[in-house]
N, C-alpha and C. Protein backbone atom coordinates (compact mmCIF):
# COMPACT_ATOMS: atom_id res chain seq x y z
N MET A 1 -127.85 19.61 -82.39
CA MET A 1 -128.72 20.52 -81.63
C MET A 1 -128.28 21.97 -81.82
N GLN A 2 -126.97 22.23 -81.77
CA GLN A 2 -126.48 23.59 -81.93
C GLN A 2 -126.83 24.15 -83.31
N ASP A 3 -126.73 23.31 -84.36
CA ASP A 3 -127.07 23.77 -85.71
C ASP A 3 -128.54 24.13 -85.80
N LEU A 4 -129.42 23.27 -85.20
CA LEU A 4 -130.85 23.50 -85.22
C LEU A 4 -131.19 24.78 -84.46
N GLN A 5 -130.53 24.97 -83.30
CA GLN A 5 -130.78 26.18 -82.53
C GLN A 5 -130.37 27.42 -83.31
N GLY A 6 -129.24 27.29 -84.05
CA GLY A 6 -128.78 28.42 -84.84
C GLY A 6 -129.77 28.76 -85.93
N LEU A 7 -130.33 27.72 -86.61
CA LEU A 7 -131.30 27.94 -87.68
C LEU A 7 -132.58 28.57 -87.16
N MET A 8 -132.93 28.26 -85.92
CA MET A 8 -134.16 28.77 -85.33
C MET A 8 -133.94 30.11 -84.64
N GLY A 9 -132.68 30.59 -84.66
CA GLY A 9 -132.40 31.87 -84.01
C GLY A 9 -132.30 31.77 -82.52
N ILE A 10 -132.09 30.56 -82.01
CA ILE A 10 -131.97 30.35 -80.57
C ILE A 10 -130.51 30.09 -80.23
N GLU A 11 -129.98 30.83 -79.31
CA GLU A 11 -128.57 30.64 -78.95
C GLU A 11 -128.43 29.50 -77.96
N ALA A 12 -127.42 28.67 -78.19
CA ALA A 12 -127.14 27.59 -77.25
C ALA A 12 -126.69 28.18 -75.93
N PRO A 13 -126.92 27.45 -74.82
CA PRO A 13 -126.46 27.93 -73.52
C PRO A 13 -124.95 28.16 -73.54
N LEU A 14 -124.52 29.11 -72.77
CA LEU A 14 -123.09 29.38 -72.69
C LEU A 14 -122.38 28.22 -72.00
N ASP A 15 -121.37 27.67 -72.69
CA ASP A 15 -120.60 26.61 -72.06
C ASP A 15 -119.29 27.21 -71.53
N GLU A 16 -118.55 26.41 -70.81
CA GLU A 16 -117.33 26.90 -70.16
C GLU A 16 -116.31 27.43 -71.16
N PRO A 17 -116.00 26.71 -72.24
CA PRO A 17 -115.03 27.25 -73.20
C PRO A 17 -115.45 28.59 -73.79
N THR A 18 -116.76 28.76 -74.05
CA THR A 18 -117.24 30.02 -74.62
C THR A 18 -117.07 31.16 -73.63
N VAL A 19 -117.42 30.91 -72.39
CA VAL A 19 -117.28 31.95 -71.36
C VAL A 19 -115.82 32.32 -71.18
N ALA A 20 -114.95 31.30 -71.10
CA ALA A 20 -113.53 31.57 -70.92
C ALA A 20 -112.97 32.36 -72.10
N SER A 21 -113.34 31.97 -73.31
CA SER A 21 -112.86 32.67 -74.50
C SER A 21 -113.37 34.11 -74.53
N GLY A 22 -114.63 34.29 -74.18
CA GLY A 22 -115.20 35.62 -74.18
C GLY A 22 -114.56 36.53 -73.15
N LEU A 23 -114.29 35.97 -71.98
CA LEU A 23 -113.66 36.78 -70.93
C LEU A 23 -112.24 37.15 -71.33
N LYS A 24 -111.52 36.21 -71.90
CA LYS A 24 -110.15 36.50 -72.33
C LYS A 24 -110.14 37.55 -73.44
N GLU A 25 -111.10 37.46 -74.33
CA GLU A 25 -111.17 38.45 -75.41
C GLU A 25 -111.48 39.83 -74.84
N ALA A 26 -112.38 39.88 -73.87
CA ALA A 26 -112.71 41.15 -73.23
C ALA A 26 -111.48 41.75 -72.55
N LEU A 27 -110.72 40.90 -71.88
CA LEU A 27 -109.53 41.38 -71.19
C LEU A 27 -108.46 41.84 -72.17
N ARG A 28 -108.33 41.10 -73.25
CA ARG A 28 -107.35 41.51 -74.26
C ARG A 28 -107.71 42.87 -74.84
N ILE A 29 -108.96 43.03 -75.21
CA ILE A 29 -109.41 44.30 -75.78
C ILE A 29 -109.31 45.42 -74.75
N GLY A 30 -109.73 45.14 -73.53
CA GLY A 30 -109.69 46.16 -72.48
C GLY A 30 -108.29 46.62 -72.16
N THR A 31 -107.35 45.68 -72.07
CA THR A 31 -105.98 46.05 -71.73
C THR A 31 -105.31 46.78 -72.89
N GLU A 32 -105.61 46.37 -74.11
CA GLU A 32 -105.05 47.08 -75.27
C GLU A 32 -105.59 48.50 -75.35
N ARG A 33 -106.87 48.67 -75.07
CA ARG A 33 -107.45 50.01 -75.07
C ARG A 33 -106.83 50.87 -73.97
N ALA A 34 -106.69 50.30 -72.78
CA ALA A 34 -106.13 51.06 -71.65
C ALA A 34 -104.69 51.48 -71.94
N SER A 35 -103.89 50.52 -72.39
CA SER A 35 -102.50 50.82 -72.69
C SER A 35 -102.39 51.82 -73.83
N GLY A 36 -103.23 51.61 -74.86
CA GLY A 36 -103.19 52.51 -76.01
C GLY A 36 -103.61 53.92 -75.66
N THR A 37 -104.60 54.05 -74.80
CA THR A 37 -105.07 55.37 -74.37
C THR A 37 -103.99 56.14 -73.63
N LEU A 38 -103.25 55.44 -72.78
CA LEU A 38 -102.28 56.12 -71.92
C LEU A 38 -100.90 56.27 -72.54
N SER A 39 -100.59 55.47 -73.55
CA SER A 39 -99.23 55.49 -74.09
C SER A 39 -99.03 56.53 -75.19
N VAL A 40 -100.10 57.20 -75.59
CA VAL A 40 -99.96 58.25 -76.61
C VAL A 40 -99.50 59.55 -75.96
N ASP A 41 -99.03 60.47 -76.79
CA ASP A 41 -98.62 61.77 -76.28
C ASP A 41 -99.80 62.46 -75.61
N GLY A 42 -99.66 62.79 -74.34
CA GLY A 42 -100.74 63.41 -73.60
C GLY A 42 -101.63 62.44 -72.86
N GLY A 43 -101.35 61.14 -72.97
CA GLY A 43 -102.16 60.13 -72.30
C GLY A 43 -102.27 60.36 -70.81
N PHE A 44 -101.18 60.75 -70.21
CA PHE A 44 -101.18 61.17 -68.81
C PHE A 44 -101.20 62.69 -68.70
N GLY A 45 -100.33 63.33 -69.46
CA GLY A 45 -100.13 64.77 -69.31
C GLY A 45 -101.35 65.62 -69.55
N LYS A 46 -102.25 65.17 -70.45
CA LYS A 46 -103.44 65.96 -70.77
C LYS A 46 -104.70 65.40 -70.12
N ASN A 47 -104.52 64.45 -69.21
CA ASN A 47 -105.65 63.86 -68.49
C ASN A 47 -105.67 64.45 -67.08
N ASP A 48 -106.67 65.26 -66.80
CA ASP A 48 -106.72 65.96 -65.51
C ASP A 48 -106.77 65.00 -64.33
N LEU A 49 -107.32 63.80 -64.53
CA LEU A 49 -107.43 62.85 -63.43
C LEU A 49 -106.14 62.07 -63.19
N LEU A 50 -105.34 61.90 -64.23
CA LEU A 50 -104.16 61.03 -64.13
C LEU A 50 -102.83 61.77 -64.23
N ARG A 51 -102.86 63.03 -64.62
CA ARG A 51 -101.61 63.77 -64.79
C ARG A 51 -100.75 63.71 -63.54
N LEU A 52 -99.47 63.43 -63.74
CA LEU A 52 -98.53 63.37 -62.64
C LEU A 52 -98.08 64.79 -62.26
N ALA A 53 -98.39 65.17 -61.03
CA ALA A 53 -97.86 66.41 -60.47
C ALA A 53 -96.63 66.03 -59.65
N LEU A 54 -95.96 67.00 -59.10
CA LEU A 54 -94.82 66.69 -58.24
C LEU A 54 -95.29 65.84 -57.07
N PRO A 55 -94.46 64.88 -56.62
CA PRO A 55 -94.83 64.10 -55.43
C PRO A 55 -95.11 65.01 -54.25
N GLU A 56 -95.89 64.51 -53.32
CA GLU A 56 -96.27 65.32 -52.15
C GLU A 56 -95.06 65.92 -51.45
N ASP A 57 -93.99 65.13 -51.32
CA ASP A 57 -92.80 65.61 -50.62
C ASP A 57 -92.08 66.72 -51.38
N LEU A 58 -92.45 66.91 -52.66
CA LEU A 58 -91.81 67.96 -53.45
C LEU A 58 -92.73 69.16 -53.71
N GLN A 59 -93.97 69.10 -53.21
CA GLN A 59 -94.90 70.20 -53.46
C GLN A 59 -94.37 71.52 -52.88
N LYS A 60 -93.84 71.43 -51.67
CA LYS A 60 -93.29 72.63 -51.04
C LYS A 60 -92.08 73.14 -51.82
N VAL A 61 -91.28 72.20 -52.31
CA VAL A 61 -90.11 72.57 -53.12
C VAL A 61 -90.55 73.32 -54.37
N GLY A 62 -91.54 72.75 -55.07
CA GLY A 62 -92.03 73.37 -56.29
C GLY A 62 -92.57 74.76 -56.06
N SER A 63 -93.36 74.91 -55.00
CA SER A 63 -93.93 76.23 -54.70
C SER A 63 -92.84 77.26 -54.41
N ARG A 64 -91.83 76.84 -53.65
CA ARG A 64 -90.76 77.78 -53.30
C ARG A 64 -89.95 78.15 -54.54
N LEU A 65 -89.67 77.19 -55.39
CA LEU A 65 -88.89 77.46 -56.59
C LEU A 65 -89.65 78.37 -57.56
N ARG A 66 -90.97 78.23 -57.59
CA ARG A 66 -91.76 79.11 -58.46
C ARG A 66 -91.65 80.56 -58.00
N THR A 67 -91.61 80.76 -56.67
CA THR A 67 -91.47 82.14 -56.17
C THR A 67 -90.11 82.72 -56.52
N LEU A 68 -89.14 81.84 -56.83
CA LEU A 68 -87.80 82.30 -57.20
C LEU A 68 -87.63 82.44 -58.71
N GLY A 69 -88.75 82.33 -59.45
CA GLY A 69 -88.69 82.51 -60.90
C GLY A 69 -88.31 81.25 -61.66
N LEU A 70 -88.43 80.09 -61.02
CA LEU A 70 -88.05 78.83 -61.67
C LEU A 70 -89.26 77.99 -62.05
N GLY A 71 -90.39 78.65 -62.27
CA GLY A 71 -91.61 77.93 -62.61
C GLY A 71 -91.51 77.13 -63.89
N ASP A 72 -90.80 77.67 -64.89
CA ASP A 72 -90.66 76.96 -66.16
C ASP A 72 -89.93 75.63 -65.98
N GLN A 73 -88.92 75.62 -65.12
CA GLN A 73 -88.17 74.40 -64.87
C GLN A 73 -89.02 73.37 -64.11
N VAL A 74 -89.84 73.86 -63.19
CA VAL A 74 -90.73 72.96 -62.46
C VAL A 74 -91.74 72.35 -63.42
N ASP A 75 -92.31 73.17 -64.31
CA ASP A 75 -93.25 72.66 -65.31
C ASP A 75 -92.58 71.65 -66.23
N ALA A 76 -91.34 71.93 -66.60
CA ALA A 76 -90.60 71.03 -67.49
C ALA A 76 -90.41 69.67 -66.82
N LEU A 77 -90.12 69.67 -65.52
CA LEU A 77 -89.96 68.41 -64.80
C LEU A 77 -91.26 67.62 -64.79
N GLU A 78 -92.36 68.28 -64.52
CA GLU A 78 -93.65 67.59 -64.51
C GLU A 78 -93.99 67.02 -65.89
N ASN A 79 -93.72 67.79 -66.94
CA ASN A 79 -93.99 67.32 -68.29
C ASN A 79 -93.14 66.09 -68.63
N GLN A 80 -91.88 66.11 -68.21
CA GLN A 80 -91.00 64.97 -68.45
C GLN A 80 -91.48 63.73 -67.68
N MET A 81 -91.96 63.93 -66.47
CA MET A 81 -92.49 62.82 -65.68
C MET A 81 -93.68 62.17 -66.39
N ASN A 82 -94.56 62.99 -66.93
CA ASN A 82 -95.74 62.45 -67.62
C ASN A 82 -95.35 61.74 -68.91
N SER A 83 -94.38 62.26 -69.61
CA SER A 83 -93.91 61.59 -70.83
C SER A 83 -93.30 60.23 -70.49
N ALA A 84 -92.59 60.15 -69.38
CA ALA A 84 -92.01 58.87 -68.96
C ALA A 84 -93.11 57.87 -68.64
N ALA A 85 -94.17 58.32 -67.98
CA ALA A 85 -95.30 57.44 -67.67
C ALA A 85 -95.98 56.94 -68.94
N GLU A 86 -96.12 57.82 -69.92
CA GLU A 86 -96.75 57.43 -71.19
C GLU A 86 -95.93 56.39 -71.92
N ARG A 87 -94.63 56.55 -71.92
CA ARG A 87 -93.77 55.56 -72.58
C ARG A 87 -93.84 54.22 -71.86
N ALA A 88 -93.88 54.24 -70.54
CA ALA A 88 -93.93 53.00 -69.77
C ALA A 88 -95.24 52.27 -69.97
N ALA A 89 -96.34 53.01 -70.11
CA ALA A 89 -97.66 52.39 -70.27
C ALA A 89 -97.71 51.48 -71.50
N GLY A 90 -96.94 51.80 -72.51
CA GLY A 90 -96.92 50.97 -73.71
C GLY A 90 -96.32 49.60 -73.51
N GLU A 91 -95.61 49.42 -72.40
CA GLU A 91 -94.99 48.13 -72.11
C GLU A 91 -95.94 47.15 -71.45
N ALA A 92 -97.14 47.60 -71.10
CA ALA A 92 -98.03 46.78 -70.29
C ALA A 92 -98.69 45.64 -71.07
N VAL A 93 -98.89 45.82 -72.36
CA VAL A 93 -99.69 44.87 -73.14
C VAL A 93 -99.14 43.45 -73.06
N ASP A 94 -97.84 43.29 -73.22
CA ASP A 94 -97.25 41.95 -73.21
C ASP A 94 -97.42 41.26 -71.86
N VAL A 95 -97.29 42.01 -70.79
CA VAL A 95 -97.44 41.43 -69.46
C VAL A 95 -98.89 41.03 -69.21
N PHE A 96 -99.81 41.87 -69.61
CA PHE A 96 -101.23 41.53 -69.50
C PHE A 96 -101.55 40.29 -70.33
N ALA A 97 -101.01 40.23 -71.54
CA ALA A 97 -101.30 39.11 -72.44
C ALA A 97 -100.85 37.79 -71.83
N SER A 98 -99.71 37.80 -71.19
CA SER A 98 -99.21 36.59 -70.54
C SER A 98 -100.14 36.14 -69.43
N ALA A 99 -100.65 37.08 -68.65
CA ALA A 99 -101.58 36.75 -67.57
C ALA A 99 -102.89 36.21 -68.12
N ILE A 100 -103.34 36.77 -69.23
CA ILE A 100 -104.59 36.31 -69.84
C ILE A 100 -104.46 34.86 -70.33
N ARG A 101 -103.32 34.55 -70.93
CA ARG A 101 -103.11 33.18 -71.44
C ARG A 101 -103.13 32.15 -70.32
N SER A 102 -102.68 32.53 -69.14
CA SER A 102 -102.60 31.58 -68.03
C SER A 102 -103.89 31.49 -67.22
N MET A 103 -104.91 32.23 -67.62
CA MET A 103 -106.17 32.24 -66.88
C MET A 103 -106.91 30.92 -67.04
N THR A 104 -107.47 30.42 -65.96
CA THR A 104 -108.22 29.17 -65.99
C THR A 104 -109.70 29.44 -66.23
N VAL A 105 -110.45 28.38 -66.55
CA VAL A 105 -111.89 28.51 -66.73
C VAL A 105 -112.54 28.99 -65.43
N GLN A 106 -112.06 28.47 -64.31
CA GLN A 106 -112.61 28.89 -63.02
C GLN A 106 -112.37 30.38 -62.78
N ASP A 107 -111.17 30.85 -63.15
CA ASP A 107 -110.88 32.29 -63.05
C ASP A 107 -111.86 33.09 -63.88
N ALA A 108 -112.11 32.60 -65.10
CA ALA A 108 -112.98 33.33 -66.03
C ALA A 108 -114.39 33.48 -65.48
N PHE A 109 -114.96 32.39 -64.97
CA PHE A 109 -116.30 32.45 -64.42
C PHE A 109 -116.35 33.35 -63.19
N SER A 110 -115.33 33.27 -62.38
CA SER A 110 -115.27 34.11 -61.18
C SER A 110 -115.27 35.58 -61.54
N ILE A 111 -114.53 35.93 -62.59
CA ILE A 111 -114.46 37.32 -63.04
C ILE A 111 -115.78 37.74 -63.68
N LEU A 112 -116.33 36.88 -64.54
CA LEU A 112 -117.57 37.22 -65.24
C LEU A 112 -118.70 37.49 -64.26
N ASP A 113 -118.78 36.69 -63.20
CA ASP A 113 -119.87 36.83 -62.24
C ASP A 113 -119.50 37.73 -61.07
N GLY A 114 -118.32 38.32 -61.12
CA GLY A 114 -117.86 39.17 -60.03
C GLY A 114 -118.31 40.60 -60.17
N GLN A 115 -117.75 41.46 -59.33
CA GLN A 115 -118.11 42.87 -59.36
C GLN A 115 -117.58 43.53 -60.63
N ASP A 116 -117.97 44.78 -60.84
CA ASP A 116 -117.69 45.45 -62.10
C ASP A 116 -116.20 45.60 -62.41
N ASN A 117 -115.34 45.56 -61.39
CA ASN A 117 -113.90 45.66 -61.63
C ASN A 117 -113.17 44.37 -61.26
N ALA A 118 -113.88 43.24 -61.36
CA ALA A 118 -113.30 41.96 -60.94
C ALA A 118 -112.05 41.61 -61.75
N ALA A 119 -112.08 41.89 -63.05
CA ALA A 119 -110.92 41.58 -63.89
C ALA A 119 -109.72 42.45 -63.51
N THR A 120 -110.00 43.71 -63.24
CA THR A 120 -108.93 44.63 -62.84
C THR A 120 -108.29 44.17 -61.54
N LEU A 121 -109.12 43.76 -60.58
CA LEU A 121 -108.61 43.27 -59.30
C LEU A 121 -107.81 41.98 -59.50
N TYR A 122 -108.26 41.14 -60.42
CA TYR A 122 -107.54 39.90 -60.74
C TYR A 122 -106.13 40.22 -61.24
N PHE A 123 -106.05 41.17 -62.16
CA PHE A 123 -104.75 41.57 -62.70
C PHE A 123 -103.86 42.17 -61.61
N GLN A 124 -104.43 43.01 -60.79
CA GLN A 124 -103.63 43.63 -59.74
C GLN A 124 -103.01 42.58 -58.84
N GLY A 125 -103.80 41.54 -58.53
CA GLY A 125 -103.28 40.49 -57.66
C GLY A 125 -102.25 39.60 -58.33
N ARG A 126 -102.37 39.44 -59.65
CA ARG A 126 -101.51 38.49 -60.35
C ARG A 126 -100.25 39.12 -60.96
N ILE A 127 -100.34 40.34 -61.45
CA ILE A 127 -99.22 40.85 -62.25
C ILE A 127 -98.69 42.21 -61.83
N GLU A 128 -99.21 42.78 -60.74
CA GLU A 128 -98.73 44.12 -60.37
C GLU A 128 -97.22 44.11 -60.10
N ALA A 129 -96.75 43.07 -59.41
CA ALA A 129 -95.32 42.98 -59.10
C ALA A 129 -94.50 42.86 -60.39
N GLU A 130 -95.01 42.06 -61.35
CA GLU A 130 -94.29 41.88 -62.61
C GLU A 130 -94.27 43.18 -63.41
N LEU A 131 -95.41 43.88 -63.41
CA LEU A 131 -95.46 45.16 -64.12
C LEU A 131 -94.51 46.17 -63.49
N THR A 132 -94.42 46.16 -62.18
CA THR A 132 -93.52 47.08 -61.49
C THR A 132 -92.07 46.84 -61.92
N SER A 133 -91.67 45.57 -61.93
CA SER A 133 -90.29 45.25 -62.33
C SER A 133 -90.07 45.52 -63.81
N ARG A 134 -91.12 45.38 -64.62
CA ARG A 134 -91.02 45.64 -66.06
C ARG A 134 -90.91 47.14 -66.33
N PHE A 135 -91.67 47.91 -65.57
CA PHE A 135 -91.68 49.36 -65.77
C PHE A 135 -90.42 50.04 -65.27
N GLN A 136 -89.81 49.49 -64.22
CA GLN A 136 -88.68 50.16 -63.58
C GLN A 136 -87.57 50.53 -64.57
N PRO A 137 -87.05 49.57 -65.34
CA PRO A 137 -85.99 49.94 -66.29
C PRO A 137 -86.49 50.83 -67.42
N VAL A 138 -87.74 50.68 -67.83
CA VAL A 138 -88.29 51.53 -68.88
C VAL A 138 -88.34 52.97 -68.41
N VAL A 139 -88.89 53.17 -67.22
CA VAL A 139 -88.98 54.52 -66.66
C VAL A 139 -87.60 55.12 -66.47
N ALA A 140 -86.67 54.30 -65.95
CA ALA A 140 -85.30 54.79 -65.73
C ALA A 140 -84.66 55.22 -67.05
N SER A 141 -84.85 54.41 -68.09
CA SER A 141 -84.27 54.71 -69.40
C SER A 141 -84.87 55.98 -69.99
N VAL A 142 -86.20 56.12 -69.90
CA VAL A 142 -86.86 57.31 -70.44
C VAL A 142 -86.47 58.55 -69.65
N MET A 143 -86.37 58.40 -68.35
CA MET A 143 -85.96 59.53 -67.51
C MET A 143 -84.56 60.01 -67.90
N GLU A 144 -83.69 59.07 -68.17
CA GLU A 144 -82.32 59.41 -68.57
C GLU A 144 -82.33 60.07 -69.95
N GLU A 145 -83.08 59.47 -70.87
CA GLU A 145 -83.15 59.97 -72.25
C GLU A 145 -83.73 61.38 -72.31
N MET A 146 -84.73 61.64 -71.50
CA MET A 146 -85.42 62.92 -71.55
C MET A 146 -84.82 63.97 -70.62
N GLY A 147 -83.81 63.58 -69.88
CA GLY A 147 -83.15 64.54 -69.01
C GLY A 147 -83.87 64.80 -67.70
N VAL A 148 -84.75 63.86 -67.29
CA VAL A 148 -85.51 64.06 -66.06
C VAL A 148 -84.57 64.15 -64.85
N TYR A 149 -83.61 63.22 -64.80
CA TYR A 149 -82.68 63.23 -63.66
C TYR A 149 -81.92 64.56 -63.60
N ARG A 150 -81.52 65.02 -64.75
CA ARG A 150 -80.76 66.27 -64.81
C ARG A 150 -81.61 67.45 -64.35
N THR A 151 -82.85 67.50 -64.84
CA THR A 151 -83.75 68.59 -64.44
C THR A 151 -84.03 68.53 -62.94
N TYR A 152 -84.31 67.33 -62.47
CA TYR A 152 -84.63 67.14 -61.05
C TYR A 152 -83.44 67.52 -60.17
N SER A 153 -82.27 67.03 -60.53
CA SER A 153 -81.07 67.32 -59.73
C SER A 153 -80.78 68.81 -59.68
N SER A 154 -80.96 69.48 -60.81
CA SER A 154 -80.71 70.91 -60.86
C SER A 154 -81.66 71.67 -59.94
N LEU A 155 -82.94 71.29 -59.97
CA LEU A 155 -83.92 71.96 -59.12
C LEU A 155 -83.67 71.68 -57.64
N ILE A 156 -83.38 70.44 -57.33
CA ILE A 156 -83.14 70.08 -55.92
C ILE A 156 -81.88 70.77 -55.40
N ASP A 157 -80.85 70.84 -56.23
CA ASP A 157 -79.62 71.52 -55.81
C ASP A 157 -79.91 73.00 -55.50
N ARG A 158 -80.72 73.62 -56.33
CA ARG A 158 -81.05 75.03 -56.09
C ARG A 158 -81.87 75.18 -54.81
N TYR A 159 -82.79 74.26 -54.61
CA TYR A 159 -83.62 74.35 -53.41
C TYR A 159 -82.79 74.11 -52.16
N ASN A 160 -81.96 73.07 -52.19
CA ASN A 160 -81.15 72.74 -51.02
C ASN A 160 -80.13 73.82 -50.69
N ALA A 161 -79.84 74.69 -51.67
CA ALA A 161 -78.88 75.78 -51.44
C ALA A 161 -79.52 76.98 -50.74
N ILE A 162 -80.85 76.96 -50.64
CA ILE A 162 -81.53 78.06 -49.95
C ILE A 162 -81.23 77.99 -48.46
N PRO A 163 -80.81 79.07 -47.84
CA PRO A 163 -80.46 79.05 -46.42
C PRO A 163 -81.66 78.70 -45.53
N LEU A 164 -81.36 78.00 -44.45
CA LEU A 164 -82.34 77.71 -43.39
C LEU A 164 -83.51 76.84 -43.83
N ILE A 165 -83.28 75.95 -44.82
CA ILE A 165 -84.32 75.00 -45.19
C ILE A 165 -83.76 73.59 -45.06
N SER A 166 -84.64 72.64 -44.85
CA SER A 166 -84.22 71.24 -44.73
C SER A 166 -84.04 70.66 -46.13
N SER A 167 -82.95 69.94 -46.32
CA SER A 167 -82.68 69.36 -47.64
C SER A 167 -83.72 68.30 -47.98
N VAL A 168 -83.95 68.11 -49.27
CA VAL A 168 -84.98 67.19 -49.75
C VAL A 168 -84.40 66.27 -50.80
N ASP A 169 -84.84 65.02 -50.78
CA ASP A 169 -84.47 64.07 -51.83
C ASP A 169 -85.60 63.05 -51.94
N VAL A 170 -86.11 62.83 -53.14
CA VAL A 170 -87.26 61.95 -53.37
C VAL A 170 -86.91 60.92 -54.44
N ASP A 171 -87.42 59.68 -54.26
CA ASP A 171 -87.23 58.63 -55.26
C ASP A 171 -88.24 58.86 -56.38
N LEU A 172 -87.86 59.70 -57.32
CA LEU A 172 -88.78 60.09 -58.40
C LEU A 172 -89.12 58.91 -59.31
N GLU A 173 -88.16 58.03 -59.49
CA GLU A 173 -88.37 56.88 -60.37
C GLU A 173 -89.49 55.98 -59.86
N SER A 174 -89.45 55.65 -58.57
CA SER A 174 -90.50 54.81 -57.99
C SER A 174 -91.85 55.50 -58.03
N TYR A 175 -91.83 56.80 -57.82
CA TYR A 175 -93.08 57.57 -57.86
C TYR A 175 -93.72 57.48 -59.25
N ILE A 176 -92.93 57.63 -60.30
CA ILE A 176 -93.47 57.56 -61.66
C ILE A 176 -93.98 56.15 -61.97
N VAL A 177 -93.23 55.14 -61.56
CA VAL A 177 -93.66 53.75 -61.78
C VAL A 177 -95.01 53.50 -61.11
N ASN A 178 -95.13 53.89 -59.85
CA ASN A 178 -96.37 53.64 -59.10
C ASN A 178 -97.55 54.40 -59.69
N ARG A 179 -97.32 55.63 -60.12
CA ARG A 179 -98.41 56.41 -60.69
C ARG A 179 -98.81 55.88 -62.06
N THR A 180 -97.84 55.34 -62.81
CA THR A 180 -98.16 54.73 -64.11
C THR A 180 -99.05 53.51 -63.90
N LEU A 181 -98.71 52.68 -62.94
CA LEU A 181 -99.51 51.50 -62.64
C LEU A 181 -100.91 51.90 -62.18
N SER A 182 -100.99 52.88 -61.32
CA SER A 182 -102.28 53.34 -60.83
C SER A 182 -103.15 53.83 -61.99
N GLY A 183 -102.55 54.57 -62.92
CA GLY A 183 -103.29 55.05 -64.07
C GLY A 183 -103.75 53.93 -64.97
N LEU A 184 -102.90 52.93 -65.16
CA LEU A 184 -103.26 51.78 -66.00
C LEU A 184 -104.45 51.02 -65.42
N PHE A 185 -104.38 50.70 -64.14
CA PHE A 185 -105.45 49.93 -63.53
C PHE A 185 -106.75 50.73 -63.45
N SER A 186 -106.64 52.02 -63.24
CA SER A 186 -107.82 52.88 -63.23
C SER A 186 -108.49 52.90 -64.60
N THR A 187 -107.69 53.03 -65.65
CA THR A 187 -108.22 53.07 -67.01
C THR A 187 -108.77 51.71 -67.41
N LEU A 188 -108.10 50.63 -66.98
CA LEU A 188 -108.59 49.29 -67.27
C LEU A 188 -109.94 49.05 -66.60
N ALA A 189 -110.10 49.53 -65.38
CA ALA A 189 -111.38 49.39 -64.68
C ALA A 189 -112.50 50.10 -65.45
N ASP A 190 -112.19 51.26 -66.01
CA ASP A 190 -113.18 51.98 -66.82
C ASP A 190 -113.56 51.19 -68.06
N GLU A 191 -112.55 50.58 -68.71
CA GLU A 191 -112.82 49.79 -69.92
C GLU A 191 -113.62 48.54 -69.58
N GLU A 192 -113.29 47.93 -68.45
CA GLU A 192 -114.02 46.73 -68.03
C GLU A 192 -115.50 47.07 -67.79
N LEU A 193 -115.74 48.18 -67.12
CA LEU A 193 -117.11 48.60 -66.83
C LEU A 193 -117.88 48.86 -68.13
N ARG A 194 -117.21 49.48 -69.11
CA ARG A 194 -117.86 49.76 -70.39
C ARG A 194 -118.30 48.46 -71.06
N ILE A 195 -117.41 47.48 -71.09
CA ILE A 195 -117.74 46.21 -71.75
C ILE A 195 -118.88 45.50 -71.03
N ARG A 196 -118.88 45.59 -69.73
CA ARG A 196 -119.93 44.93 -68.96
C ARG A 196 -121.29 45.62 -69.15
N GLN A 197 -121.30 46.94 -69.24
CA GLN A 197 -122.57 47.67 -69.19
C GLN A 197 -123.02 48.28 -70.51
N ASP A 198 -122.09 48.51 -71.42
CA ASP A 198 -122.44 49.21 -72.66
C ASP A 198 -122.34 48.28 -73.87
N PRO A 199 -123.45 47.89 -74.45
CA PRO A 199 -123.42 46.98 -75.61
C PRO A 199 -122.55 47.51 -76.75
N ILE A 200 -122.46 48.82 -76.90
CA ILE A 200 -121.67 49.40 -77.99
C ILE A 200 -120.19 49.08 -77.81
N ALA A 201 -119.74 48.91 -76.56
CA ALA A 201 -118.34 48.63 -76.29
C ALA A 201 -117.97 47.18 -76.60
N ARG A 202 -118.96 46.34 -76.82
CA ARG A 202 -118.71 44.92 -77.14
C ARG A 202 -118.55 44.81 -78.66
N THR A 203 -117.34 44.87 -79.09
CA THR A 203 -117.07 45.04 -80.52
C THR A 203 -116.94 43.73 -81.30
N THR A 204 -117.13 42.60 -80.65
CA THR A 204 -117.09 41.32 -81.36
C THR A 204 -118.33 40.51 -81.00
N ASP A 205 -118.66 39.53 -81.83
CA ASP A 205 -119.84 38.69 -81.57
C ASP A 205 -119.67 37.92 -80.26
N LEU A 206 -118.46 37.49 -79.97
CA LEU A 206 -118.22 36.73 -78.75
C LEU A 206 -118.48 37.59 -77.51
N LEU A 207 -118.03 38.82 -77.54
CA LEU A 207 -118.28 39.72 -76.42
C LEU A 207 -119.78 39.97 -76.25
N LYS A 208 -120.46 40.16 -77.36
CA LYS A 208 -121.90 40.42 -77.30
C LYS A 208 -122.63 39.24 -76.68
N ARG A 209 -122.19 38.04 -77.03
CA ARG A 209 -122.88 36.85 -76.53
C ARG A 209 -122.63 36.64 -75.04
N VAL A 210 -121.35 36.72 -74.63
CA VAL A 210 -121.00 36.42 -73.25
C VAL A 210 -121.48 37.51 -72.29
N PHE A 211 -121.29 38.77 -72.68
CA PHE A 211 -121.64 39.85 -71.76
C PHE A 211 -123.06 40.35 -71.94
N GLY A 212 -123.71 39.91 -73.00
CA GLY A 212 -125.08 40.35 -73.22
C GLY A 212 -126.12 39.51 -72.51
N ARG A 213 -125.66 38.47 -71.80
CA ARG A 213 -126.62 37.54 -71.20
C ARG A 213 -127.44 38.21 -70.08
N ASN A 214 -126.86 39.24 -69.45
CA ASN A 214 -127.56 39.88 -68.34
C ASN A 214 -128.19 41.22 -68.72
N ASP A 215 -128.15 41.56 -70.00
CA ASP A 215 -128.76 42.83 -70.42
C ASP A 215 -130.26 42.78 -70.22
N ILE A 216 -130.80 43.91 -69.82
CA ILE A 216 -132.25 43.99 -69.67
C ILE A 216 -132.87 44.24 -71.05
N PRO A 217 -133.84 43.43 -71.45
CA PRO A 217 -134.47 43.59 -72.77
C PRO A 217 -135.09 44.98 -72.91
């Protein structure tokens, strides 16, 4: 029957293995695109929506230090933070791939028929903790390599030496990890929406078949 339908130009109904394979392929492509977009130079730093600024608790510190002529050092710290996030984003693909392999057919159908960011929400529920633990040592290593700790400590020491101000100390490492994850999931949601709504984003026959079923003629 499938051969006859193919000869007549009629597609067979989507079966469970096809849907599951199509969803997994979409997730693989989406996560690779998201990670690839953010892990390049400027992936965070040149993205106005995702660029890491100083944490809220350090905004006052940054403003005060700029008035003291230390703006270049504050900018250097922010640039180093964004570079650390970009390096960490490249580590996401393997963790996403593991989650995709363990996905069940029921998971796949639930995601396919779910809201536009159903896959992103699935990942957040399943692997956010694993990504956090995976990113922590990467971010720490990059921060050490790039001198982030040194830059941060120098700025905080100067700020804390100012008379009549309250001393400040922030967990910069956790802040970078959390912002990297937030950027990844935000970008993944954008990629998921593209595949669901834009036929051009469906770059394989399997994606076209599975996600094209609801397209308006």
